[in-house]
């Protein structure tokens, strides 16, 4: 899993904006992302607490970048969808 850090993900976010990959929710905090060559990758998210008790957002995916713990546009695209879904859920619950 990789820590979701905006500074480290800037390039991946820009690439996701350019490529606009298709993202589909398949479970709670789990998505499928269609890559630039048509391959489908699974992306998952978790929130854990670090040693200080702070919430840390993590992402995991099945692409080559994910296997090497690098930020990628699959992760950035799925994160945007995941954030949107949870924001809508919070708005409805309020």
N, C-alpha and C. Protein backbone atom coordinates (compact mmCIF):
# COMPACT_ATOMS: atom_id res chain seq x y z
N UNK A 1 0.85 -1.19 0.00
CA UNK A 1 0.00 0.00 0.00
C UNK A 1 0.88 1.24 0.00
N UNK A 2 0.37 2.28 -0.61
CA UNK A 2 1.09 3.54 -0.69
C UNK A 2 0.29 4.60 0.05
N UNK A 3 1.00 5.46 0.75
CA UNK A 3 0.34 6.57 1.45
C UNK A 3 -0.10 7.60 0.42
N UNK A 4 -1.35 8.04 0.52
CA UNK A 4 -1.89 9.02 -0.41
C UNK A 4 -1.45 10.42 0.03
N UNK A 5 -0.46 10.92 -0.64
CA UNK A 5 0.14 12.22 -0.33
C UNK A 5 0.04 13.08 -1.59
N UNK A 6 -0.66 14.19 -1.51
CA UNK A 6 -0.89 15.06 -2.66
C UNK A 6 0.43 15.43 -3.33
N UNK A 7 1.44 15.78 -2.56
CA UNK A 7 2.72 16.20 -3.15
C UNK A 7 3.34 15.09 -3.99
N UNK A 8 3.26 13.86 -3.53
CA UNK A 8 3.85 12.73 -4.24
C UNK A 8 3.00 12.29 -5.43
N UNK A 9 1.72 12.67 -5.43
CA UNK A 9 0.80 12.20 -6.46
C UNK A 9 0.51 13.23 -7.54
N UNK A 10 1.16 14.39 -7.52
CA UNK A 10 0.85 15.45 -8.48
C UNK A 10 0.95 14.98 -9.93
N UNK A 11 2.00 14.27 -10.27
CA UNK A 11 2.18 13.80 -11.64
C UNK A 11 1.08 12.79 -12.02
N UNK A 12 0.75 11.90 -11.09
CA UNK A 12 -0.29 10.90 -11.34
C UNK A 12 -1.66 11.57 -11.50
N UNK A 13 -1.92 12.59 -10.71
CA UNK A 13 -3.18 13.34 -10.81
C UNK A 13 -3.28 14.02 -12.17
N UNK A 14 -2.21 14.65 -12.61
CA UNK A 14 -2.20 15.31 -13.92
C UNK A 14 -2.43 14.31 -15.05
N UNK A 15 -1.79 13.15 -14.94
CA UNK A 15 -1.95 12.12 -15.98
C UNK A 15 -3.39 11.60 -16.01
N UNK A 16 -3.99 11.43 -14.84
CA UNK A 16 -5.39 10.98 -14.77
C UNK A 16 -6.31 12.01 -15.42
N UNK A 17 -6.03 13.28 -15.21
CA UNK A 17 -6.83 14.34 -15.83
C UNK A 17 -6.71 14.29 -17.35
N UNK A 18 -5.52 13.99 -17.84
CA UNK A 18 -5.29 13.93 -19.29
C UNK A 18 -5.95 12.70 -19.91
N UNK A 19 -5.78 11.55 -19.28
CA UNK A 19 -6.25 10.29 -19.85
C UNK A 19 -7.73 9.99 -19.54
N UNK A 20 -8.22 10.52 -18.44
CA UNK A 20 -9.62 10.32 -18.03
C UNK A 20 -10.03 8.84 -18.08
N UNK A 21 -9.34 7.99 -17.31
CA UNK A 21 -9.67 6.56 -17.34
C UNK A 21 -11.05 6.29 -16.74
N UNK A 22 -11.64 5.21 -17.18
CA UNK A 22 -12.96 4.81 -16.68
C UNK A 22 -12.78 4.11 -15.34
N UNK A 23 -13.55 4.55 -14.35
CA UNK A 23 -13.48 4.00 -13.00
C UNK A 23 -14.86 3.48 -12.63
N UNK A 24 -14.90 2.27 -12.07
CA UNK A 24 -16.16 1.67 -11.64
C UNK A 24 -16.02 1.15 -10.22
N UNK A 25 -16.97 1.53 -9.36
CA UNK A 25 -16.96 1.04 -7.97
C UNK A 25 -17.42 -0.41 -7.97
N UNK A 26 -16.65 -1.28 -7.32
CA UNK A 26 -17.04 -2.70 -7.24
C UNK A 26 -17.25 -3.16 -5.81
N UNK A 27 -16.96 -2.31 -4.85
CA UNK A 27 -17.15 -2.64 -3.44
C UNK A 27 -16.85 -1.43 -2.59
N UNK A 28 -16.97 -1.58 -1.30
CA UNK A 28 -16.68 -0.48 -0.37
C UNK A 28 -15.21 -0.12 -0.46
N UNK A 29 -14.92 1.06 -0.97
CA UNK A 29 -13.55 1.56 -1.16
C UNK A 29 -12.72 0.70 -2.11
N UNK A 30 -13.39 0.00 -3.02
CA UNK A 30 -12.70 -0.83 -4.02
C UNK A 30 -13.26 -0.46 -5.40
N UNK A 31 -12.35 -0.24 -6.36
CA UNK A 31 -12.73 0.20 -7.70
C UNK A 31 -11.96 -0.56 -8.76
N UNK A 32 -12.52 -0.59 -9.96
CA UNK A 32 -11.82 -1.09 -11.14
C UNK A 32 -11.52 0.11 -12.01
N UNK A 33 -10.30 0.16 -12.54
CA UNK A 33 -9.89 1.25 -13.42
C UNK A 33 -9.40 0.64 -14.72
N UNK A 34 -9.93 1.14 -15.82
CA UNK A 34 -9.48 0.68 -17.14
C UNK A 34 -8.27 1.52 -17.53
N UNK A 35 -7.14 0.87 -17.78
CA UNK A 35 -5.91 1.55 -18.13
C UNK A 35 -5.90 2.03 -19.57
N UNK A 36 -4.82 2.69 -19.95
CA UNK A 36 -4.70 3.29 -21.28
C UNK A 36 -4.66 2.26 -22.40
N UNK A 37 -4.29 1.02 -22.08
CA UNK A 37 -4.24 -0.04 -23.09
C UNK A 37 -5.42 -0.99 -22.99
N UNK A 38 -6.41 -0.62 -22.17
CA UNK A 38 -7.61 -1.45 -22.04
C UNK A 38 -7.56 -2.46 -20.92
N UNK A 39 -6.43 -2.57 -20.23
CA UNK A 39 -6.32 -3.49 -19.10
C UNK A 39 -7.12 -2.95 -17.93
N UNK A 40 -7.67 -3.86 -17.12
CA UNK A 40 -8.44 -3.46 -15.94
C UNK A 40 -7.62 -3.74 -14.69
N UNK A 41 -7.56 -2.75 -13.82
CA UNK A 41 -6.80 -2.87 -12.58
C UNK A 41 -7.72 -2.64 -11.39
N UNK A 42 -7.45 -3.34 -10.32
CA UNK A 42 -8.22 -3.20 -9.09
C UNK A 42 -7.49 -2.23 -8.17
N UNK A 43 -8.24 -1.27 -7.61
CA UNK A 43 -7.69 -0.26 -6.72
C UNK A 43 -8.50 -0.25 -5.44
N UNK A 44 -7.83 -0.29 -4.31
CA UNK A 44 -8.52 -0.28 -3.02
C UNK A 44 -7.94 0.78 -2.09
N UNK A 45 -8.75 1.22 -1.15
CA UNK A 45 -8.33 2.26 -0.22
C UNK A 45 -8.60 1.83 1.21
N UNK A 46 -7.79 2.34 2.13
CA UNK A 46 -7.97 2.08 3.56
C UNK A 46 -7.55 3.32 4.33
N UNK A 47 -8.13 3.48 5.49
CA UNK A 47 -7.72 4.55 6.41
C UNK A 47 -7.31 3.86 7.70
N UNK A 48 -6.08 4.12 8.12
CA UNK A 48 -5.54 3.51 9.34
C UNK A 48 -5.00 4.62 10.24
N UNK A 49 -4.71 4.26 11.47
CA UNK A 49 -4.12 5.23 12.40
C UNK A 49 -2.64 4.92 12.54
N UNK A 50 -1.83 6.00 12.54
CA UNK A 50 -0.39 5.82 12.72
C UNK A 50 -0.08 5.76 14.21
N UNK A 51 1.20 5.73 14.57
CA UNK A 51 1.63 5.61 15.96
C UNK A 51 1.15 6.77 16.82
N UNK A 52 0.92 7.93 16.21
CA UNK A 52 0.45 9.11 16.95
C UNK A 52 -1.06 9.20 17.02
N UNK A 53 -1.75 8.28 16.37
CA UNK A 53 -3.21 8.30 16.36
C UNK A 53 -3.80 9.11 15.23
N UNK A 54 -2.97 9.59 14.30
CA UNK A 54 -3.45 10.35 13.15
C UNK A 54 -3.98 9.40 12.08
N UNK A 55 -5.02 9.83 11.40
CA UNK A 55 -5.58 9.03 10.29
C UNK A 55 -4.68 9.14 9.07
N UNK A 56 -4.35 8.00 8.51
CA UNK A 56 -3.49 7.94 7.33
C UNK A 56 -4.28 7.26 6.21
N UNK A 57 -4.33 7.89 5.05
CA UNK A 57 -5.05 7.33 3.91
C UNK A 57 -4.06 6.55 3.04
N UNK A 58 -4.43 5.30 2.72
CA UNK A 58 -3.59 4.42 1.94
C UNK A 58 -4.32 3.92 0.70
N UNK A 59 -3.56 3.62 -0.34
CA UNK A 59 -4.14 3.07 -1.55
C UNK A 59 -3.31 1.88 -2.03
N UNK A 60 -3.99 0.93 -2.64
CA UNK A 60 -3.34 -0.27 -3.16
C UNK A 60 -3.94 -0.58 -4.53
N UNK A 61 -3.11 -1.03 -5.48
CA UNK A 61 -3.64 -1.37 -6.79
C UNK A 61 -2.83 -2.48 -7.42
N UNK A 62 -3.41 -3.09 -8.44
CA UNK A 62 -2.83 -4.30 -9.04
C UNK A 62 -1.94 -4.03 -10.25
N UNK A 63 -1.75 -2.77 -10.64
CA UNK A 63 -0.93 -2.46 -11.80
C UNK A 63 0.56 -2.59 -11.46
N UNK A 64 1.41 -2.48 -12.46
CA UNK A 64 2.85 -2.60 -12.26
C UNK A 64 3.38 -1.52 -11.30
N UNK A 65 2.89 -0.31 -11.44
CA UNK A 65 3.31 0.77 -10.52
C UNK A 65 2.93 0.42 -9.09
N UNK A 66 1.77 -0.16 -8.92
CA UNK A 66 1.32 -0.55 -7.59
C UNK A 66 2.20 -1.63 -6.98
N UNK A 67 2.65 -2.56 -7.80
CA UNK A 67 3.54 -3.61 -7.32
C UNK A 67 4.89 -3.05 -6.90
N UNK A 68 5.24 -1.88 -7.44
CA UNK A 68 6.50 -1.22 -7.09
C UNK A 68 6.30 -0.03 -6.14
N UNK A 69 5.11 0.07 -5.57
CA UNK A 69 4.75 1.11 -4.61
C UNK A 69 5.00 2.53 -5.13
N UNK A 70 4.61 2.75 -6.38
CA UNK A 70 4.73 4.07 -7.01
C UNK A 70 3.33 4.65 -7.22
N UNK A 71 3.24 5.97 -7.24
CA UNK A 71 1.96 6.62 -7.54
C UNK A 71 1.67 6.45 -9.03
N UNK A 72 0.40 6.24 -9.38
CA UNK A 72 0.03 6.08 -10.78
C UNK A 72 -1.33 6.74 -11.03
N UNK A 73 -1.64 6.93 -12.30
CA UNK A 73 -2.91 7.58 -12.63
C UNK A 73 -4.11 6.71 -12.30
N UNK A 74 -3.95 5.39 -12.24
CA UNK A 74 -5.06 4.50 -11.85
C UNK A 74 -5.48 4.84 -10.41
N UNK A 75 -4.49 5.00 -9.55
CA UNK A 75 -4.74 5.34 -8.15
C UNK A 75 -5.37 6.72 -8.03
N UNK A 76 -4.83 7.69 -8.77
CA UNK A 76 -5.36 9.05 -8.71
C UNK A 76 -6.80 9.12 -9.19
N UNK A 77 -7.12 8.43 -10.28
CA UNK A 77 -8.48 8.44 -10.81
C UNK A 77 -9.45 7.78 -9.84
N UNK A 78 -9.08 6.64 -9.31
CA UNK A 78 -9.95 5.93 -8.37
C UNK A 78 -10.11 6.74 -7.08
N UNK A 79 -9.06 7.42 -6.64
CA UNK A 79 -9.15 8.25 -5.43
C UNK A 79 -10.16 9.37 -5.62
N UNK A 80 -10.16 9.99 -6.80
CA UNK A 80 -11.13 11.07 -7.07
C UNK A 80 -12.55 10.55 -6.99
N UNK A 81 -12.80 9.38 -7.56
CA UNK A 81 -14.14 8.78 -7.51
C UNK A 81 -14.49 8.41 -6.07
N UNK A 82 -13.56 7.80 -5.36
CA UNK A 82 -13.79 7.39 -3.98
C UNK A 82 -14.13 8.60 -3.09
N UNK A 83 -13.40 9.68 -3.26
CA UNK A 83 -13.66 10.91 -2.50
C UNK A 83 -15.04 11.45 -2.82
N UNK A 84 -15.39 11.47 -4.11
CA UNK A 84 -16.72 11.95 -4.52
C UNK A 84 -17.85 11.13 -3.94
N UNK A 85 -17.71 9.83 -3.96
CA UNK A 85 -18.75 8.94 -3.42
C UNK A 85 -18.94 9.18 -1.93
N UNK A 86 -17.84 9.26 -1.19
CA UNK A 86 -17.95 9.46 0.25
C UNK A 86 -18.46 10.85 0.61
N UNK A 87 -18.15 11.84 -0.21
CA UNK A 87 -18.67 13.19 0.03
C UNK A 87 -20.19 13.21 -0.17
N UNK A 88 -20.67 12.52 -1.20
CA UNK A 88 -22.12 12.45 -1.44
C UNK A 88 -22.82 11.71 -0.30
N UNK A 89 -22.21 10.64 0.18
CA UNK A 89 -22.81 9.89 1.30
C UNK A 89 -22.90 10.75 2.55
N UNK A 90 -21.87 11.53 2.82
CA UNK A 90 -21.88 12.40 3.98
C UNK A 90 -22.95 13.49 3.83
N UNK A 91 -23.11 14.02 2.65
CA UNK A 91 -24.11 15.06 2.41
C UNK A 91 -25.52 14.51 2.62
N UNK A 92 -25.76 13.29 2.19
CA UNK A 92 -27.08 12.68 2.35
C UNK A 92 -27.36 12.39 3.83
N UNK A 93 -26.32 11.97 4.55
CA UNK A 93 -26.48 11.62 5.97
C UNK A 93 -26.68 12.84 6.85
N UNK A 94 -26.25 14.01 6.38
CA UNK A 94 -26.35 15.23 7.20
C UNK A 94 -27.73 15.81 7.26
